[in-house]
Amino acid sequence: MTPLSSNDLSEPEPWDPPKPWWRRRTGVTAMGAALVLLGTGLYVGLRPASTSCGEGLAKRGADHECVGLTDGSRHFSFTPDLTKVSGLIATENQGVTTGSTPWVGVVYLLPAVPSADGTSTADSIRHELEGAYIAQYLANHRNTNGDAPKIRLLLANPGHDEGQRDYALGQIEAHRAQDHIVAVAGLGTSTTDTRGTIDRITQDGLAAFGSVITADELTPTHGLVRVSPPNSDEAAAAGAFLQSYLKDKPDVKVQLVRDAVKGDLYSSSLADQFKKNYHAQLLPHDMVFDSGEQGVSTNFANQMAGLCQNRPAAVFFAGRGIDLPQFLAPLSQRQCVDQQLIVIAGDDASQVTQSAGREEVKKALSVGNIRLLYTGLAHPDAWKLAPQVYSAAAIEPFTAGGEYTRQFSNEELFDGQAIMGHDALLTAVVAIRAAVSASTPPDQVTGSTVIQMLTALYGPTAIEGASGLISLDNNGNPVNKAIPIVEFKPNGQVVALDVSSSTGQPPQAQ
């Protein structure tokens, strides 16, 4: 044993009772932890909800939608269906920035979340981004249109109100230098809000490439081109089709139905252009509705007697696809149901094939002696109907074994959105790489040098798109672009019947 020291033999001290648990070291630690947890809970419960969705994104607006700019590593809230395509874009972007080849940034901008009163469906949004990704991938992995600079694809969600849009556009401006942004593609649909977005983008010196904007009022705008035919071309193609279809009844009337809602350039432009392209004496008094107000179906129901009195052989519907069910339902119950009616609409009718009103439309077509046709922007059937109009190389990504069918094997092409998204970004790629020269090497391409190339993309240098030849005039519109005439059948099938254009004869592939 260890010997006792002298200190061990001292008098014992008075007994010291044990400390209460809360004064012991473990008690102090436990109470501290409890207070931390309590404080954290109070902070979390009382602090404002986070407005961040990740770098470049933020929650804005009454619906707290995530808007802004991303490289695909974060996808927008409430859109799990965009997870796959966002991930593919993020992976491709990572390869671009870690490589040795110079690269530029192209923003693909479109509302990524359908709104309750919007005109796009979740399917159409997803398809358009998928098509854009395929164009990015092919640009970076094939040398068809050159090999530099590489394309880094950024995604921008402008939301649905002014504050959301301002934030998204502000992020594009803030990231312009560090992300080498030279162009913006997509751009949404034809509305006054879209026109404001285009003006801001082009005034900032960035080139703009519209995918599905068709309103004639959007051009000419310096720095903007589009790959879709303008409404004037769609109206001319629809008029030519109707005149051919009704050639045995030259004096039969066509009823124009138009939407008077404020701010929708697509509907107003489509109505105006059809009136210019069809015989005025064969157009009775317009049937007008306002999709921004309630009671749309009631309005139509009250106008059926007048429609039957006019005895038109066809109806031209100048409105959005999502409003077609509210028109077709009362039309199917008209008194003159014994007479078959052709209803022909513009390209936005493709949205109804994937909307909540799809079944209502099918029922109306089945019982109402109605055929529903529309002037499409692209359709895979068109490639077989008019093979001379489409380049085999251009449509290859969307055919069996092509990059799109490999990556997105369960997706449909009949709405044309993937094809148009692809062609919009393809056109941007061609313009970007055309800007490369001895005086402008790949690492010095800017928005200004890309804009300079836009008026050179015509004739021999026209772009062979999957939607047809894209030969741009000086106003940024494709000349005599191919326009499929598409039918939505009562069984839900969506098939192309013909391929037309503003002249009736689209240009052949080069």
Protein backbone atom coordinates (compact mmCIF):
# COMPACT_ATOMS: atom_id res chain seq x y z
CA MET A 1 0.00 0.00 0.00
CA THR A 2 1.03 3.55 -0.53
CA PRO A 3 2.11 5.09 2.83
CA LEU A 4 -0.20 7.73 4.23
CA SER A 5 1.09 11.28 4.19
CA SER A 6 0.85 13.56 7.18
CA ASN A 7 -2.09 15.32 5.61
CA ASP A 8 -4.12 12.14 5.82
CA LEU A 9 -4.01 12.28 9.65
CA SER A 10 -5.63 15.76 9.94
CA GLU A 11 -9.04 16.28 11.57
CA PRO A 12 -11.97 15.37 9.36
CA GLU A 13 -14.00 18.30 7.85
CA PRO A 14 -17.73 18.66 8.50
CA TRP A 15 -20.02 16.54 6.27
CA ASP A 16 -20.84 18.23 2.92
CA PRO A 17 -24.28 17.14 1.57
CA PRO A 18 -24.52 16.34 -2.20
CA LYS A 19 -25.40 19.24 -4.55
CA PRO A 20 -28.88 19.37 -6.10
CA TRP A 21 -28.97 17.81 -9.57
CA TRP A 22 -29.30 21.17 -11.31
CA ARG A 23 -26.08 22.40 -9.67
CA ARG A 24 -24.03 19.40 -10.71
CA ARG A 25 -21.92 19.53 -13.89
CA THR A 26 -24.26 17.11 -15.69
CA GLY A 27 -27.29 19.08 -14.57
CA VAL A 28 -25.85 22.35 -15.80
CA THR A 29 -25.09 20.71 -19.11
CA ALA A 30 -28.60 19.28 -19.39
CA MET A 31 -30.25 22.58 -18.52
CA GLY A 32 -28.04 24.39 -21.02
CA ALA A 33 -29.03 21.95 -23.72
CA ALA A 34 -32.70 22.33 -22.83
CA LEU A 35 -32.46 26.10 -22.99
CA VAL A 36 -30.70 25.89 -26.35
CA LEU A 37 -33.43 23.63 -27.70
CA LEU A 38 -36.12 25.89 -26.29
CA GLY A 39 -34.46 28.94 -27.78
CA THR A 40 -34.05 27.21 -31.13
CA GLY A 41 -37.68 26.19 -31.13
CA LEU A 42 -38.80 29.72 -30.31
CA TYR A 43 -36.52 31.12 -33.04
CA VAL A 44 -37.73 28.66 -35.66
CA GLY A 45 -41.32 29.24 -34.66
CA LEU A 46 -41.11 33.03 -34.60
CA ARG A 47 -38.63 33.88 -37.37
CA PRO A 48 -39.88 34.51 -40.94
CA ALA A 49 -39.90 31.48 -43.24
CA SER A 50 -36.78 31.17 -45.37
CA THR A 51 -37.04 32.81 -48.76
CA SER A 52 -34.08 30.94 -50.22
CA CYS A 53 -34.33 27.99 -52.58
CA GLY A 54 -30.60 27.79 -53.18
CA GLU A 55 -28.02 29.95 -54.90
CA GLY A 56 -29.63 32.17 -57.55
CA LEU A 57 -33.17 31.19 -56.50
CA ALA A 58 -35.64 32.72 -54.08
CA LYS A 59 -39.28 32.41 -53.07
CA ARG A 60 -41.24 35.33 -54.42
CA GLY A 61 -44.88 36.27 -54.90
CA ALA A 62 -48.07 35.29 -53.12
CA ASP A 63 -47.55 31.64 -54.04
CA HIS A 64 -43.94 31.62 -52.71
CA GLU A 65 -42.74 30.09 -55.95
CA CYS A 66 -39.01 29.51 -56.38
CA VAL A 67 -37.90 31.81 -59.17
CA GLY A 68 -34.52 32.89 -60.47
CA LEU A 69 -31.55 31.22 -62.12
CA THR A 70 -29.96 27.79 -61.68
CA ASP A 71 -27.41 25.59 -63.44
CA GLY A 72 -29.72 22.60 -62.97
CA SER A 73 -28.21 21.47 -59.69
CA ARG A 74 -31.34 22.76 -58.00
CA HIS A 75 -34.73 22.44 -59.66
CA PHE A 76 -37.66 24.72 -59.01
CA SER A 77 -40.05 23.98 -56.14
CA PHE A 78 -43.23 21.99 -56.73
CA THR A 79 -41.81 20.54 -59.95
CA PRO A 80 -40.51 17.04 -59.18
CA ASP A 81 -41.16 16.14 -62.81
CA LEU A 82 -38.22 18.38 -63.75
CA THR A 83 -35.79 16.47 -61.53
CA LYS A 84 -34.43 14.23 -64.28
CA VAL A 85 -33.89 16.87 -66.95
CA SER A 86 -32.45 19.32 -64.40
CA GLY A 87 -29.98 16.66 -63.26
CA LEU A 88 -28.90 15.90 -66.82
CA ILE A 89 -28.32 19.59 -67.50
CA ALA A 90 -26.33 19.97 -64.26
CA THR A 91 -24.12 17.01 -65.20
CA GLU A 92 -23.51 18.36 -68.69
CA ASN A 93 -22.70 21.80 -67.28
CA GLN A 94 -20.16 20.29 -64.90
CA GLY A 95 -18.37 18.66 -67.81
CA VAL A 96 -18.34 21.94 -69.72
CA THR A 97 -16.79 24.00 -66.92
CA THR A 98 -14.15 21.42 -66.02
CA GLY A 99 -12.99 20.99 -69.61
CA SER A 100 -10.36 22.98 -71.45
CA THR A 101 -12.59 24.28 -74.29
CA PRO A 102 -13.96 27.84 -73.92
CA TRP A 103 -17.65 27.99 -73.10
CA VAL A 104 -20.53 30.45 -72.96
CA GLY A 105 -23.77 30.49 -70.99
CA VAL A 106 -27.20 30.33 -72.59
CA VAL A 107 -30.23 30.83 -70.35
CA TYR A 108 -33.40 28.87 -71.11
CA LEU A 109 -36.23 30.98 -69.70
CA LEU A 110 -39.84 29.88 -69.30
CA PRO A 111 -42.34 29.67 -66.43
CA ALA A 112 -41.41 26.35 -64.85
CA VAL A 113 -44.55 25.89 -62.77
CA PRO A 114 -48.01 25.98 -64.41
CA SER A 115 -50.29 28.58 -62.86
CA ALA A 116 -53.98 28.06 -62.19
CA ASP A 117 -54.90 30.51 -64.94
CA GLY A 118 -51.89 29.86 -67.18
CA THR A 119 -51.84 28.40 -70.66
CA SER A 120 -49.07 25.81 -70.29
CA THR A 121 -49.21 22.33 -68.79
CA ALA A 122 -46.58 20.58 -66.69
CA ASP A 123 -46.00 18.15 -69.57
CA SER A 124 -45.38 20.88 -72.12
CA ILE A 125 -42.92 22.67 -69.82
CA ARG A 126 -41.00 19.47 -69.15
CA HIS A 127 -40.92 18.52 -72.84
CA GLU A 128 -39.57 21.91 -73.86
CA LEU A 129 -36.70 21.72 -71.36
CA GLU A 130 -35.94 18.16 -72.45
CA GLY A 131 -35.64 19.30 -76.05
CA ALA A 132 -33.34 22.14 -75.02
CA TYR A 133 -31.11 19.72 -73.12
CA ILE A 134 -30.81 17.46 -76.17
CA ALA A 135 -29.69 20.44 -78.27
CA GLN A 136 -27.12 21.35 -75.62
CA TYR A 137 -25.81 17.78 -75.39
CA LEU A 138 -25.48 17.38 -79.16
CA ALA A 139 -23.80 20.78 -79.50
CA ASN A 140 -21.18 19.76 -76.96
CA HIS A 141 -20.61 16.19 -78.16
CA ARG A 142 -20.93 16.42 -81.95
CA ASN A 143 -19.18 18.71 -84.38
CA THR A 144 -22.12 19.28 -86.72
CA ASN A 145 -22.18 23.01 -85.98
CA GLY A 146 -18.58 23.43 -84.86
CA ASP A 147 -17.06 22.55 -81.52
CA ALA A 148 -16.42 25.84 -79.72
CA PRO A 149 -17.46 27.49 -77.59
CA LYS A 150 -19.17 24.80 -75.54
CA ILE A 151 -22.66 25.53 -74.27
CA ARG A 152 -23.45 25.80 -70.58
CA LEU A 153 -27.24 25.78 -70.20
CA LEU A 154 -28.79 27.74 -67.32
CA LEU A 155 -32.47 27.55 -66.39
CA ALA A 156 -34.49 30.63 -65.45
CA ASN A 157 -37.98 30.59 -63.97
CA PRO A 158 -39.64 34.04 -64.22
CA GLY A 159 -42.79 32.94 -62.41
CA HIS A 160 -46.10 34.62 -63.16
CA ASP A 161 -46.06 38.12 -61.66
CA GLU A 162 -43.97 41.24 -62.06
CA GLY A 163 -41.98 40.81 -58.86
CA GLN A 164 -41.05 37.24 -59.70
CA ARG A 165 -40.06 38.21 -63.23
CA ASP A 166 -37.94 41.13 -62.02
CA TYR A 167 -36.05 38.87 -59.64
CA ALA A 168 -35.32 36.27 -62.34
CA LEU A 169 -34.17 38.87 -64.86
CA GLY A 170 -32.08 40.52 -62.16
CA GLN A 171 -30.31 37.21 -61.54
CA ILE A 172 -29.52 36.87 -65.24
CA GLU A 173 -28.03 40.36 -65.23
CA ALA A 174 -26.09 39.72 -62.01
CA HIS A 175 -24.60 36.45 -63.32
CA ARG A 176 -23.95 37.66 -66.85
CA ALA A 177 -20.20 38.20 -66.46
CA GLN A 178 -19.25 35.23 -64.27
CA ASP A 179 -21.40 32.79 -66.28
CA HIS A 180 -20.44 34.26 -69.71
CA ILE A 181 -24.13 34.64 -70.62
CA VAL A 182 -24.60 35.68 -74.26
CA ALA A 183 -28.17 34.60 -75.08
CA VAL A 184 -31.59 33.73 -73.67
CA ALA A 185 -33.83 31.12 -75.33
CA GLY A 186 -37.37 29.85 -74.79
CA LEU A 187 -39.03 33.08 -73.52
CA GLY A 188 -42.49 31.65 -72.74
CA THR A 189 -45.71 32.40 -74.62
CA SER A 190 -47.08 35.41 -76.48
CA THR A 191 -48.25 37.87 -73.83
CA THR A 192 -47.57 41.50 -72.98
CA ASP A 193 -45.46 40.26 -70.04
CA THR A 194 -43.31 38.27 -72.45
CA ARG A 195 -42.86 41.36 -74.60
CA GLY A 196 -41.58 43.23 -71.54
CA THR A 197 -39.19 40.38 -70.78
CA ILE A 198 -37.86 40.34 -74.36
CA ASP A 199 -37.36 44.11 -74.34
CA ARG A 200 -35.32 43.94 -71.14
CA ILE A 201 -33.19 41.03 -72.37
CA THR A 202 -32.39 42.56 -75.75
CA GLN A 203 -31.82 46.05 -74.33
CA ASP A 204 -29.23 44.47 -72.05
CA GLY A 205 -27.39 43.32 -75.18
CA LEU A 206 -28.28 39.63 -75.05
CA ALA A 207 -29.54 37.71 -78.08
CA ALA A 208 -33.05 36.24 -77.68
CA PHE A 209 -34.34 33.04 -79.32
CA GLY A 210 -38.07 32.38 -79.02
CA SER A 211 -39.31 28.80 -79.12
CA VAL A 212 -43.12 29.01 -79.26
CA ILE A 213 -43.88 32.75 -79.33
CA THR A 214 -46.06 33.43 -82.38
CA ALA A 215 -47.75 36.84 -81.94
CA ASP A 216 -46.89 39.15 -84.84
CA GLU A 217 -46.62 42.14 -82.46
CA LEU A 218 -43.42 40.72 -80.91
CA THR A 219 -41.37 41.45 -84.02
CA PRO A 220 -39.45 43.27 -85.27
CA THR A 221 -37.37 43.54 -82.10
CA HIS A 222 -33.65 44.05 -82.49
CA GLY A 223 -31.83 41.03 -81.08
CA LEU A 224 -34.86 38.70 -81.19
CA VAL A 225 -35.50 35.79 -83.55
CA ARG A 226 -37.98 32.94 -83.27
CA VAL A 227 -38.19 29.46 -84.69
CA SER A 228 -42.00 29.28 -84.74
CA PRO A 229 -44.05 30.75 -87.58
CA PRO A 230 -45.89 33.98 -86.67
CA ASN A 231 -49.65 33.99 -86.26
CA SER A 232 -50.03 35.58 -89.68
CA ASP A 233 -48.50 32.43 -91.19
CA GLU A 234 -50.65 30.13 -89.04
CA ALA A 235 -53.78 32.03 -90.02
CA ALA A 236 -52.82 31.87 -93.69
CA ALA A 237 -52.19 28.12 -93.45
CA ALA A 238 -55.53 27.60 -91.69
CA GLY A 239 -57.32 29.71 -94.30
CA ALA A 240 -55.69 27.79 -97.15
CA PHE A 241 -56.67 24.48 -95.57
CA LEU A 242 -60.28 25.57 -95.08
CA GLN A 243 -60.56 26.87 -98.63
CA SER A 244 -59.27 23.54 -99.92
CA TYR A 245 -61.52 21.57 -97.58
CA LEU A 246 -64.57 23.65 -98.51
CA LYS A 247 -63.75 23.95 -102.22
CA ASP A 248 -67.04 22.28 -103.16
CA LYS A 249 -68.89 24.85 -101.01
CA PRO A 250 -67.27 28.16 -101.96
CA ASP A 251 -69.92 30.36 -100.32
CA VAL A 252 -70.04 28.64 -96.93
CA LYS A 253 -69.34 30.83 -93.91
CA VAL A 254 -66.62 30.44 -91.27
CA GLN A 255 -67.43 31.61 -87.75
CA LEU A 256 -64.58 33.45 -85.98
CA VAL A 257 -64.49 32.96 -82.20
CA ARG A 258 -62.02 35.26 -80.46
CA ASP A 259 -60.84 35.91 -76.92
CA ALA A 260 -60.92 39.57 -75.85
CA VAL A 261 -58.89 39.06 -72.66
CA LYS A 262 -56.43 41.84 -71.95
CA GLY A 263 -52.73 41.18 -72.43
CA ASP A 264 -52.90 38.00 -74.54
CA LEU A 265 -51.12 38.90 -77.77
CA TYR A 266 -51.50 35.36 -79.10
CA SER A 267 -55.31 35.41 -79.19
CA SER A 268 -55.73 38.97 -80.46
CA SER A 269 -53.06 38.54 -83.12
CA LEU A 270 -54.47 35.21 -84.30
CA ALA A 271 -57.96 36.68 -84.71
CA ASP A 272 -56.71 39.77 -86.56
CA GLN A 273 -54.54 37.73 -88.91
CA PHE A 274 -57.29 35.24 -89.76
CA LYS A 275 -59.62 38.08 -90.71
CA LYS A 276 -56.91 39.37 -93.05
CA ASN A 277 -56.43 35.95 -94.63
CA TYR A 278 -60.04 34.90 -95.22
CA HIS A 279 -62.87 36.29 -97.31
CA ALA A 280 -64.52 39.05 -95.30
CA GLN A 281 -67.94 38.38 -96.81
CA LEU A 282 -67.80 34.81 -95.52
CA LEU A 283 -67.11 35.87 -91.92
CA PRO A 284 -70.28 36.64 -89.93
CA HIS A 285 -70.30 38.76 -86.79
CA ASP A 286 -67.47 37.64 -84.46
CA MET A 287 -68.34 35.48 -81.47
CA VAL A 288 -66.44 37.12 -78.61
CA PHE A 289 -65.60 35.88 -75.10
CA ASP A 290 -63.26 37.02 -72.30
CA SER A 291 -61.29 34.21 -70.70
CA GLY A 292 -60.34 36.54 -67.84
CA GLU A 293 -63.94 36.72 -66.64
CA GLN A 294 -66.30 34.12 -65.20
CA GLY A 295 -69.16 32.48 -67.08
CA VAL A 296 -67.26 31.65 -70.29
CA SER A 297 -69.29 28.47 -70.99
CA THR A 298 -72.53 30.31 -70.26
CA ASN A 299 -71.52 32.99 -72.77
CA PHE A 300 -70.90 30.34 -75.41
CA ALA A 301 -74.15 28.52 -74.64
CA ASN A 302 -76.08 31.76 -75.15
CA GLN A 303 -74.44 32.28 -78.55
CA MET A 304 -75.20 28.83 -79.98
CA ALA A 305 -78.54 29.91 -81.45
CA GLY A 306 -76.81 32.65 -83.43
CA LEU A 307 -74.15 30.24 -84.61
CA CYS A 308 -76.76 27.80 -85.89
CA GLN A 309 -78.59 30.65 -87.62
CA ASN A 310 -75.39 31.56 -89.50
CA ARG A 311 -74.92 27.90 -90.56
CA PRO A 312 -71.11 28.03 -90.80
CA ALA A 313 -69.27 24.98 -92.09
CA ALA A 314 -66.28 25.73 -89.90
CA VAL A 315 -65.22 27.70 -86.83
CA PHE A 316 -61.86 29.40 -86.37
CA PHE A 317 -61.07 29.50 -82.65
CA ALA A 318 -58.71 32.37 -81.78
CA GLY A 319 -58.16 31.55 -78.13
CA ARG A 320 -56.02 29.46 -75.83
CA GLY A 321 -56.17 25.67 -75.78
CA ILE A 322 -57.20 25.55 -72.13
CA ASP A 323 -60.42 27.41 -73.05
CA LEU A 324 -61.44 24.97 -75.78
CA PRO A 325 -63.38 22.65 -73.40
CA GLN A 326 -65.59 25.57 -72.35
CA PHE A 327 -66.40 26.21 -76.02
CA LEU A 328 -66.72 22.66 -77.29
CA ALA A 329 -69.06 21.46 -74.52
CA PRO A 330 -71.91 23.87 -75.41
CA LEU A 331 -71.05 23.53 -79.11
CA SER A 332 -71.70 19.78 -78.86
CA GLN A 333 -75.22 20.56 -77.56
CA ARG A 334 -76.15 23.08 -80.30
CA GLN A 335 -79.51 22.73 -82.02
CA CYS A 336 -77.91 22.24 -85.44
CA VAL A 337 -75.85 19.25 -84.31
CA ASP A 338 -76.91 17.39 -87.46
CA GLN A 339 -74.46 19.54 -89.43
CA GLN A 340 -70.81 18.58 -88.97
CA LEU A 341 -68.56 21.41 -87.89
CA ILE A 342 -64.82 21.77 -88.40
CA VAL A 343 -63.21 23.69 -85.52
CA ILE A 344 -59.73 24.84 -86.39
CA ALA A 345 -57.48 26.65 -83.92
CA GLY A 346 -53.93 27.93 -83.59
CA ASP A 347 -50.94 26.07 -82.19
CA ASP A 348 -51.86 26.63 -78.53
CA ALA A 349 -54.62 24.06 -78.97
CA SER A 350 -51.90 21.45 -78.49
CA GLN A 351 -52.05 22.24 -74.75
CA VAL A 352 -55.57 20.82 -74.42
CA THR A 353 -54.29 17.36 -75.33
CA GLN A 354 -52.52 17.23 -71.94
CA SER A 355 -54.79 19.45 -69.85
CA ALA A 356 -57.47 18.68 -67.28
CA GLY A 357 -60.11 19.33 -69.95
CA ARG A 358 -58.91 16.55 -72.24
CA GLU A 359 -61.76 14.15 -71.37
CA GLU A 360 -64.37 16.87 -71.76
CA VAL A 361 -63.03 17.62 -75.24
CA LYS A 362 -63.09 13.95 -76.21
CA LYS A 363 -66.72 13.69 -75.10
CA ALA A 364 -67.72 16.83 -77.02
CA LEU A 365 -66.09 15.51 -80.20
CA SER A 366 -67.80 12.13 -79.77
CA VAL A 367 -71.35 13.41 -79.34
CA GLY A 368 -71.27 16.80 -81.07
CA ASN A 369 -70.48 15.94 -84.70
CA ILE A 370 -67.31 18.05 -84.43
CA ARG A 371 -63.78 17.69 -85.81
CA LEU A 372 -61.04 19.57 -83.92
CA LEU A 373 -58.01 20.64 -85.96
CA TYR A 374 -55.19 23.09 -85.26
CA THR A 375 -52.11 24.54 -86.89
CA GLY A 376 -49.24 22.89 -85.03
CA LEU A 377 -45.66 24.06 -84.64
CA ALA A 378 -44.22 20.55 -84.95
CA HIS A 379 -45.46 16.97 -85.04
CA PRO A 380 -43.61 13.67 -85.65
CA ASP A 381 -46.22 12.56 -88.21
CA ALA A 382 -45.16 15.48 -90.41
CA TRP A 383 -41.81 13.83 -91.04
CA LYS A 384 -43.58 10.97 -92.85
CA LEU A 385 -46.21 13.10 -94.56
CA ALA A 386 -43.64 15.43 -96.14
CA PRO A 387 -40.17 13.85 -95.92
CA GLN A 388 -38.79 16.31 -98.46
CA VAL A 389 -39.44 19.18 -96.01
CA TYR A 390 -37.39 17.75 -93.14
CA SER A 391 -33.69 16.94 -92.99
CA ALA A 392 -32.99 13.36 -91.94
CA ALA A 393 -30.09 14.57 -89.80
CA ALA A 394 -32.29 17.17 -88.07
CA ILE A 395 -34.99 14.73 -87.00
CA GLU A 396 -32.55 11.92 -86.09
CA PRO A 397 -32.39 12.80 -82.34
CA PHE A 398 -36.16 12.22 -82.11
CA THR A 399 -36.37 8.98 -84.09
CA ALA A 400 -35.70 5.42 -82.91
CA GLY A 401 -32.24 5.19 -81.37
CA GLY A 402 -31.81 8.99 -81.29
CA GLU A 403 -30.59 10.90 -78.26
CA TYR A 404 -34.05 12.11 -77.21
CA THR A 405 -35.68 8.70 -77.48
CA ARG A 406 -32.80 7.16 -75.51
CA GLN A 407 -32.85 9.71 -72.70
CA PHE A 408 -36.63 10.18 -72.51
CA SER A 409 -38.06 6.94 -73.80
CA ASN A 410 -41.44 7.35 -72.08
CA GLU A 411 -42.15 10.85 -73.39
CA GLU A 412 -44.49 11.93 -76.18
CA LEU A 413 -43.62 14.24 -79.07
CA PHE A 414 -47.08 15.06 -80.43
CA ASP A 415 -47.38 18.41 -78.59
CA GLY A 416 -44.29 19.62 -80.46
CA GLN A 417 -42.76 21.26 -77.37
CA ALA A 418 -39.60 19.15 -77.22
CA ILE A 419 -38.98 19.73 -80.91
CA MET A 420 -39.44 23.49 -80.60
CA GLY A 421 -37.28 23.70 -77.46
CA HIS A 422 -34.56 21.81 -79.31
CA ASP A 423 -34.77 24.06 -82.37
CA ALA A 424 -34.68 27.28 -80.33
CA LEU A 425 -31.46 26.26 -78.59
CA LEU A 426 -30.04 24.83 -81.83
CA THR A 427 -30.56 28.21 -83.49
CA ALA A 428 -28.77 29.90 -80.59
CA VAL A 429 -25.86 27.45 -80.93
CA VAL A 430 -25.53 28.11 -84.67
CA ALA A 431 -25.54 31.88 -84.14
CA ILE A 432 -23.03 31.66 -81.28
CA ARG A 433 -20.57 29.56 -83.25
CA ALA A 434 -21.08 31.68 -86.37
CA ALA A 435 -19.81 34.60 -84.27
CA VAL A 436 -16.43 32.90 -83.89
CA SER A 437 -13.86 34.34 -86.29
CA ALA A 438 -10.22 35.36 -86.49
CA SER A 439 -11.08 38.59 -84.69
CA THR A 440 -13.53 36.95 -82.26
CA PRO A 441 -12.09 33.74 -80.80
CA PRO A 442 -14.41 31.38 -78.87
CA ASP A 443 -13.53 32.86 -75.49
CA GLN A 444 -14.50 36.38 -76.62
CA VAL A 445 -18.00 35.74 -78.00
CA THR A 446 -20.49 38.22 -76.52
CA GLY A 447 -24.18 38.93 -76.77
CA SER A 448 -23.39 41.68 -79.26
CA THR A 449 -21.39 39.44 -81.58
CA VAL A 450 -24.20 36.86 -81.49
CA ILE A 451 -26.83 39.48 -82.34
CA GLN A 452 -24.66 40.50 -85.30
CA MET A 453 -25.08 36.98 -86.75
CA LEU A 454 -28.87 36.83 -86.61
CA THR A 455 -29.48 38.46 -89.98
CA ALA A 456 -27.10 35.99 -91.66
CA LEU A 457 -29.17 32.86 -90.91
CA TYR A 458 -31.12 32.63 -94.16
CA GLY A 459 -30.96 30.94 -97.55
CA PRO A 460 -27.82 28.79 -97.86
CA THR A 461 -27.05 29.34 -94.15
CA ALA A 462 -30.58 28.56 -92.94
CA ILE A 463 -30.86 26.14 -90.03
CA GLU A 464 -32.16 22.63 -90.59
CA GLY A 465 -34.43 22.22 -87.60
CA ALA A 466 -36.47 19.20 -86.57
CA SER A 467 -39.52 21.43 -87.07
CA GLY A 468 -38.47 22.36 -90.61
CA LEU A 469 -36.12 24.77 -92.34
CA ILE A 470 -35.49 27.93 -90.31
CA SER A 471 -34.57 30.69 -92.75
CA LEU A 472 -34.86 34.00 -90.90
CA ASP A 473 -35.95 37.26 -92.47
CA ASN A 474 -34.63 40.63 -91.32
CA ASN A 475 -37.42 40.86 -88.73
CA GLY A 476 -36.36 37.60 -87.09
CA ASN A 477 -39.23 35.47 -88.44
CA PRO A 478 -38.77 32.12 -90.19
CA VAL A 479 -39.79 32.43 -93.84
CA ASN A 480 -42.63 30.18 -95.03
CA LYS A 481 -42.03 27.80 -92.11
CA ALA A 482 -43.58 24.32 -92.26
CA ILE A 483 -46.91 24.14 -90.37
CA PRO A 484 -48.48 20.73 -89.67
CA ILE A 485 -52.28 20.57 -89.74
CA VAL A 486 -53.10 18.42 -86.72
CA GLU A 487 -56.30 16.70 -85.62
CA PHE A 488 -57.28 15.79 -82.06
CA LYS A 489 -59.55 12.78 -82.46
CA PRO A 490 -62.45 11.69 -80.19
CA ASN A 491 -60.40 8.73 -78.96
CA GLY A 492 -57.61 11.06 -77.80
CA GLN A 493 -55.20 10.39 -80.65
CA VAL A 494 -53.31 13.40 -82.00
CA VAL A 495 -52.35 12.96 -85.65
CA ALA A 496 -51.05 15.22 -88.41
CA LEU A 497 -53.17 15.36 -91.57
CA ASP A 498 -51.05 17.59 -93.77
CA VAL A 499 -48.02 19.87 -93.82
CA SER A 500 -48.70 23.40 -94.99
CA SER A 501 -47.19 26.88 -94.66
CA SER A 502 -48.13 30.50 -95.26
CA THR A 503 -47.97 29.84 -99.02
CA GLY A 504 -49.26 26.29 -98.79
CA GLN A 505 -45.89 24.87 -99.91
CA PRO A 506 -43.16 24.83 -97.23
CA PRO A 507 -39.52 24.95 -98.37
CA GLN A 508 -37.71 21.67 -98.88
CA ALA A 509 -34.79 20.63 -96.72
CA GLN A 510 -31.38 21.58 -98.05
